[in-house]
Structures are given as C-alpha cells and as structure tokens.
Amino acid sequence: LSQTGDYLVKVSPDELRGLSDRDKRELLRMSRALMSLLEDVASQIEHPAKHTKTS
C-alpha cells in the first residue's frame, strides 16, 4: 500500500465477521458514498468545463 493510501481503513475478514449486519450496511453505505464522491471529483478534473457551464 502506498503512503497516500495509509488513511484508508484496513479491515480484515475476521473483523468483518465480527460486525453486525447493521454495521456492515453502514460500512457499505459509507464506502459507496466515498466512491461516488471520488468519481465526482475525478470527472470534474477530467471535464472542468462540463460542470461550470449551464446547458
């Protein structure tokens, strides 16, 4: 794992097994929210004009 990836939460399968279903759903929801946020940022970097001009 690179230096920049150190902030990512490292979860082992054993730890996941100990989580309740509610915790798993919450973790999944946070992961999805984070991924969509990253995709938004990436698309803004790739296509800055698309997000500034109104159609």
PDB file of N, CA and C in Angstrom:
ATOM      1  N   LEU A   1       0.848  -1.197   0.000  1.00  0.00           N
ATOM      2  CA  LEU A   1       0.000   0.000   0.000  1.00  0.00           C
ATOM      3  C   LEU A   1       0.882   1.244   0.000  1.00  0.00           C
ATOM      4  N   SER A   2       0.552   2.197  -0.840  1.00  0.00           N
ATOM      5  CA  SER A   2       1.361   3.408  -0.930  1.00  0.00           C
ATOM      6  C   SER A   2       1.134   4.313   0.272  1.00  0.00           C
ATOM      7  N   GLN A   3       2.002   5.308   0.406  1.00  0.00           N
ATOM      8  CA  GLN A   3       1.922   6.231   1.537  1.00  0.00           C
ATOM      9  C   GLN A   3       0.568   6.953   1.564  1.00  0.00           C
ATOM     10  N   THR A   4       0.094   7.335   0.385  1.00  0.00           N
ATOM     11  CA  THR A   4      -1.157   8.082   0.307  1.00  0.00           C
ATOM     12  C   THR A   4      -2.351   7.216   0.674  1.00  0.00           C
ATOM     13  N   GLY A   5      -2.191   5.906   0.596  1.00  0.00           N
ATOM     14  CA  GLY A   5      -3.299   5.005   0.898  1.00  0.00           C
ATOM     15  C   GLY A   5      -3.411   4.662   2.362  1.00  0.00           C
ATOM     16  N   ASP A   6      -2.501   5.197   3.178  1.00  0.00           N
ATOM     17  CA  ASP A   6      -2.478   4.836   4.591  1.00  0.00           C
ATOM     18  C   ASP A   6      -3.711   5.296   5.359  1.00  0.00           C
ATOM     19  N   TYR A   7      -4.390   6.330   4.842  1.00  0.00           N
ATOM     20  CA  TYR A   7      -5.566   6.832   5.545  1.00  0.00           C
ATOM     21  C   TYR A   7      -6.768   5.904   5.358  1.00  0.00           C
ATOM     22  N   LEU A   8      -6.691   5.023   4.361  1.00  0.00           N
ATOM     23  CA  LEU A   8      -7.782   4.093   4.116  1.00  0.00           C
ATOM     24  C   LEU A   8      -7.913   3.117   5.275  1.00  0.00           C
ATOM     25  N   VAL A   9      -9.146   2.776   5.601  1.00  0.00           N
ATOM     26  CA  VAL A   9      -9.378   1.854   6.702  1.00  0.00           C
ATOM     27  C   VAL A   9      -9.037   0.440   6.255  1.00  0.00           C
ATOM     28  N   LYS A  10      -8.168  -0.195   7.010  1.00  0.00           N
ATOM     29  CA  LYS A  10      -7.817  -1.579   6.690  1.00  0.00           C
ATOM     30  C   LYS A  10      -8.674  -2.505   7.551  1.00  0.00           C
ATOM     31  N   VAL A  11      -9.470  -3.331   6.905  1.00  0.00           N
ATOM     32  CA  VAL A  11     -10.345  -4.239   7.638  1.00  0.00           C
ATOM     33  C   VAL A  11     -10.065  -5.672   7.213  1.00  0.00           C
ATOM     34  N   SER A  12      -9.788  -6.523   8.181  1.00  0.00           N
ATOM     35  CA  SER A  12      -9.532  -7.931   7.879  1.00  0.00           C
ATOM     36  C   SER A  12     -10.854  -8.693   7.836  1.00  0.00           C
ATOM     37  N   PRO A  13     -10.892  -9.819   7.118  1.00  0.00           N
ATOM     38  CA  PRO A  13     -12.118 -10.633   7.055  1.00  0.00           C
ATOM     39  C   PRO A  13     -12.627 -11.029   8.436  1.00  0.00           C
ATOM     40  N   ASP A  14     -11.699 -11.313   9.355  1.00  0.00           N
ATOM     41  CA  ASP A  14     -12.105 -11.682  10.717  1.00  0.00           C
ATOM     42  C   ASP A  14     -12.858 -10.547  11.390  1.00  0.00           C
ATOM     43  N   GLU A  15     -12.372  -9.323  11.193  1.00  0.00           N
ATOM     44  CA  GLU A  15     -13.035  -8.165  11.790  1.00  0.00           C
ATOM     45  C   GLU A  15     -14.423  -7.970  11.182  1.00  0.00           C
ATOM     46  N   LEU A  16     -14.526  -8.188   9.864  1.00  0.00           N
ATOM     47  CA  LEU A  16     -15.811  -8.055   9.193  1.00  0.00           C
ATOM     48  C   LEU A  16     -16.812  -9.062   9.727  1.00  0.00           C
ATOM     49  N   ARG A  17     -16.339 -10.272  10.017  1.00  0.00           N
ATOM     50  CA  ARG A  17     -17.211 -11.322  10.509  1.00  0.00           C
ATOM     51  C   ARG A  17     -17.801 -10.943  11.868  1.00  0.00           C
ATOM     52  N   GLY A  18     -17.050 -10.151  12.628  1.00  0.00           N
ATOM     53  CA  GLY A  18     -17.498  -9.743  13.953  1.00  0.00           C
ATOM     54  C   GLY A  18     -18.520  -8.616  13.926  1.00  0.00           C
ATOM     55  N   LEU A  19     -18.664  -7.970  12.775  1.00  0.00           N
ATOM     56  CA  LEU A  19     -19.600  -6.853  12.668  1.00  0.00           C
ATOM     57  C   LEU A  19     -21.041  -7.342  12.576  1.00  0.00           C
ATOM     58  N   SER A  20     -21.941  -6.548  13.096  1.00  0.00           N
ATOM     59  CA  SER A  20     -23.358  -6.864  12.951  1.00  0.00           C
ATOM     60  C   SER A  20     -23.799  -6.495  11.535  1.00  0.00           C
ATOM     61  N   ASP A  21     -24.959  -6.994  11.133  1.00  0.00           N
ATOM     62  CA  ASP A  21     -25.473  -6.688   9.791  1.00  0.00           C
ATOM     63  C   ASP A  21     -25.670  -5.193   9.611  1.00  0.00           C
ATOM     64  N   ARG A  22     -26.099  -4.518  10.694  1.00  0.00           N
ATOM     65  CA  ARG A  22     -26.317  -3.083  10.618  1.00  0.00           C
ATOM     66  C   ARG A  22     -25.005  -2.367  10.366  1.00  0.00           C
ATOM     67  N   ASP A  23     -23.953  -2.803  11.050  1.00  0.00           N
ATOM     68  CA  ASP A  23     -22.639  -2.193  10.867  1.00  0.00           C
ATOM     69  C   ASP A  23     -22.126  -2.423   9.454  1.00  0.00           C
ATOM     70  N   LYS A  24     -22.376  -3.627   8.922  1.00  0.00           N
ATOM     71  CA  LYS A  24     -21.939  -3.940   7.559  1.00  0.00           C
ATOM     72  C   LYS A  24     -22.644  -3.044   6.552  1.00  0.00           C
ATOM     73  N   ARG A  25     -23.948  -2.860   6.755  1.00  0.00           N
ATOM     74  CA  ARG A  25     -24.705  -1.993   5.841  1.00  0.00           C
ATOM     75  C   ARG A  25     -24.193  -0.565   5.898  1.00  0.00           C
ATOM     76  N   GLU A  26     -23.899  -0.098   7.117  1.00  0.00           N
ATOM     77  CA  GLU A  26     -23.389   1.261   7.297  1.00  0.00           C
ATOM     78  C   GLU A  26     -22.033   1.423   6.626  1.00  0.00           C
ATOM     79  N   LEU A  27     -21.182   0.405   6.783  1.00  0.00           N
ATOM     80  CA  LEU A  27     -19.854   0.424   6.178  1.00  0.00           C
ATOM     81  C   LEU A  27     -19.968   0.461   4.658  1.00  0.00           C
ATOM     82  N   LEU A  28     -20.889  -0.343   4.127  1.00  0.00           N
ATOM     83  CA  LEU A  28     -21.112  -0.404   2.686  1.00  0.00           C
ATOM     84  C   LEU A  28     -21.626   0.938   2.169  1.00  0.00           C
ATOM     85  N   ARG A  29     -22.546   1.543   2.934  1.00  0.00           N
ATOM     86  CA  ARG A  29     -23.115   2.829   2.541  1.00  0.00           C
ATOM     87  C   ARG A  29     -22.039   3.910   2.501  1.00  0.00           C
ATOM     88  N   MET A  30     -21.170   3.906   3.517  1.00  0.00           N
ATOM     89  CA  MET A  30     -20.092   4.888   3.562  1.00  0.00           C
ATOM     90  C   MET A  30     -19.113   4.676   2.409  1.00  0.00           C
ATOM     91  N   SER A  31     -18.838   3.405   2.104  1.00  0.00           N
ATOM     92  CA  SER A  31     -17.926   3.094   1.005  1.00  0.00           C
ATOM     93  C   SER A  31     -18.480   3.604  -0.316  1.00  0.00           C
ATOM     94  N   ARG A  32     -19.781   3.364  -0.533  1.00  0.00           N
ATOM     95  CA  ARG A  32     -20.417   3.812  -1.774  1.00  0.00           C
ATOM     96  C   ARG A  32     -20.425   5.322  -1.872  1.00  0.00           C
ATOM     97  N   ALA A  33     -20.707   5.984  -0.757  1.00  0.00           N
ATOM     98  CA  ALA A  33     -20.733   7.444  -0.741  1.00  0.00           C
ATOM     99  C   ALA A  33     -19.351   7.999  -1.064  1.00  0.00           C
ATOM    100  N   LEU A  34     -18.332   7.358  -0.496  1.00  0.00           N
ATOM    101  CA  LEU A  34     -16.960   7.790  -0.734  1.00  0.00           C
ATOM    102  C   LEU A  34     -16.580   7.574  -2.190  1.00  0.00           C
ATOM    103  N   MET A  35     -16.973   6.436  -2.751  1.00  0.00           N
ATOM    104  CA  MET A  35     -16.652   6.139  -4.143  1.00  0.00           C
ATOM    105  C   MET A  35     -17.320   7.127  -5.094  1.00  0.00           C
ATOM    106  N   SER A  36     -18.589   7.447  -4.853  1.00  0.00           N
ATOM    107  CA  SER A  36     -19.284   8.387  -5.736  1.00  0.00           C
ATOM    108  C   SER A  36     -18.686   9.780  -5.616  1.00  0.00           C
ATOM    109  N   LEU A  37     -18.232  10.120  -4.411  1.00  0.00           N
ATOM    110  CA  LEU A  37     -17.585  11.414  -4.206  1.00  0.00           C
ATOM    111  C   LEU A  37     -16.282  11.475  -4.997  1.00  0.00           C
ATOM    112  N   LEU A  38     -15.510  10.389  -4.946  1.00  0.00           N
ATOM    113  CA  LEU A  38     -14.255  10.326  -5.688  1.00  0.00           C
ATOM    114  C   LEU A  38     -14.505  10.407  -7.189  1.00  0.00           C
ATOM    115  N   GLU A  39     -15.574   9.750  -7.659  1.00  0.00           N
ATOM    116  CA  GLU A  39     -15.905   9.790  -9.080  1.00  0.00           C
ATOM    117  C   GLU A  39     -16.291  11.198  -9.507  1.00  0.00           C
ATOM    118  N   ASP A  40     -17.032  11.895  -8.646  1.00  0.00           N
ATOM    119  CA  ASP A  40     -17.411  13.281  -8.930  1.00  0.00           C
ATOM    120  C   ASP A  40     -16.172  14.153  -9.087  1.00  0.00           C
ATOM    121  N   VAL A  41     -15.259  14.024  -8.143  1.00  0.00           N
ATOM    122  CA  VAL A  41     -14.028  14.812  -8.177  1.00  0.00           C
ATOM    123  C   VAL A  41     -13.217  14.486  -9.423  1.00  0.00           C
ATOM    124  N   ALA A  42     -13.110  13.194  -9.736  1.00  0.00           N
ATOM    125  CA  ALA A  42     -12.344  12.767 -10.906  1.00  0.00           C
ATOM    126  C   ALA A  42     -12.945  13.329 -12.189  1.00  0.00           C
ATOM    127  N   SER A  43     -14.272  13.298 -12.298  1.00  0.00           N
ATOM    128  CA  SER A  43     -14.917  13.800 -13.514  1.00  0.00           C
ATOM    129  C   SER A  43     -14.776  15.314 -13.626  1.00  0.00           C
ATOM    130  N   GLN A  44     -14.739  16.001 -12.488  1.00  0.00           N
ATOM    131  CA  GLN A  44     -14.552  17.450 -12.515  1.00  0.00           C
ATOM    132  C   GLN A  44     -13.148  17.804 -12.972  1.00  0.00           C
ATOM    133  N   ILE A  45     -12.179  16.973 -12.589  1.00  0.00           N
ATOM    134  CA  ILE A  45     -10.794  17.202 -13.010  1.00  0.00           C
ATOM    135  C   ILE A  45     -10.660  16.938 -14.510  1.00  0.00           C
ATOM    136  N   GLU A  46     -11.327  15.874 -14.970  1.00  0.00           N
ATOM    137  CA  GLU A  46     -11.229  15.497 -16.381  1.00  0.00           C
ATOM    138  C   GLU A  46     -12.004  16.452 -17.283  1.00  0.00           C
ATOM    139  N   HIS A  47     -13.188  16.866 -16.841  1.00  0.00           N
ATOM    140  CA  HIS A  47     -14.027  17.736 -17.666  1.00  0.00           C
ATOM    141  C   HIS A  47     -14.483  18.960 -16.873  1.00  0.00           C
ATOM    142  N   PRO A  48     -13.578  19.885 -16.596  1.00  0.00           N
ATOM    143  CA  PRO A  48     -13.943  21.042 -15.769  1.00  0.00           C
ATOM    144  C   PRO A  48     -15.028  21.920 -16.397  1.00  0.00           C
ATOM    145  N   ALA A  49     -15.017  22.051 -17.719  1.00  0.00           N
ATOM    146  CA  ALA A  49     -15.972  22.932 -18.392  1.00  0.00           C
ATOM    147  C   ALA A  49     -17.400  22.410 -18.268  1.00  0.00           C
ATOM    148  N   LYS A  50     -17.531  21.085 -18.250  1.00  0.00           N
ATOM    149  CA  LYS A  50     -18.845  20.462 -18.203  1.00  0.00           C
ATOM    150  C   LYS A  50     -19.617  20.869 -16.948  1.00  0.00           C
ATOM    151  N   HIS A  51     -18.879  21.108 -15.855  1.00  0.00           N
ATOM    152  CA  HIS A  51     -19.527  21.384 -14.577  1.00  0.00           C
ATOM    153  C   HIS A  51     -19.770  22.876 -14.345  1.00  0.00           C
ATOM    154  N   THR A  52     -19.124  23.724 -15.156  1.00  0.00           N
ATOM    155  CA  THR A  52     -19.260  25.162 -14.921  1.00  0.00           C
ATOM    156  C   THR A  52     -20.307  25.792 -15.825  1.00  0.00           C
ATOM    157  N   LYS A  53     -20.405  25.339 -17.077  1.00  0.00           N
ATOM    158  CA  LYS A  53     -21.366  25.953 -17.987  1.00  0.00           C
ATOM    159  C   LYS A  53     -22.759  25.346 -17.815  1.00  0.00           C
ATOM    160  N   THR A  54     -23.767  26.191 -17.947  1.00  0.00           N
ATOM    161  CA  THR A  54     -25.136  25.716 -17.805  1.00  0.00           C
ATOM    162  C   THR A  54     -25.695  25.395 -19.172  1.00  0.00           C
ATOM    163  N   SER A  55     -26.429  24.282 -19.272  1.00  0.00           N
ATOM    164  CA  SER A  55     -26.967  23.881 -20.574  1.00  0.00           C
ATOM    165  C   SER A  55     -28.380  24.401 -20.763  1.00  0.00           C
TER     166      SER A  55
END
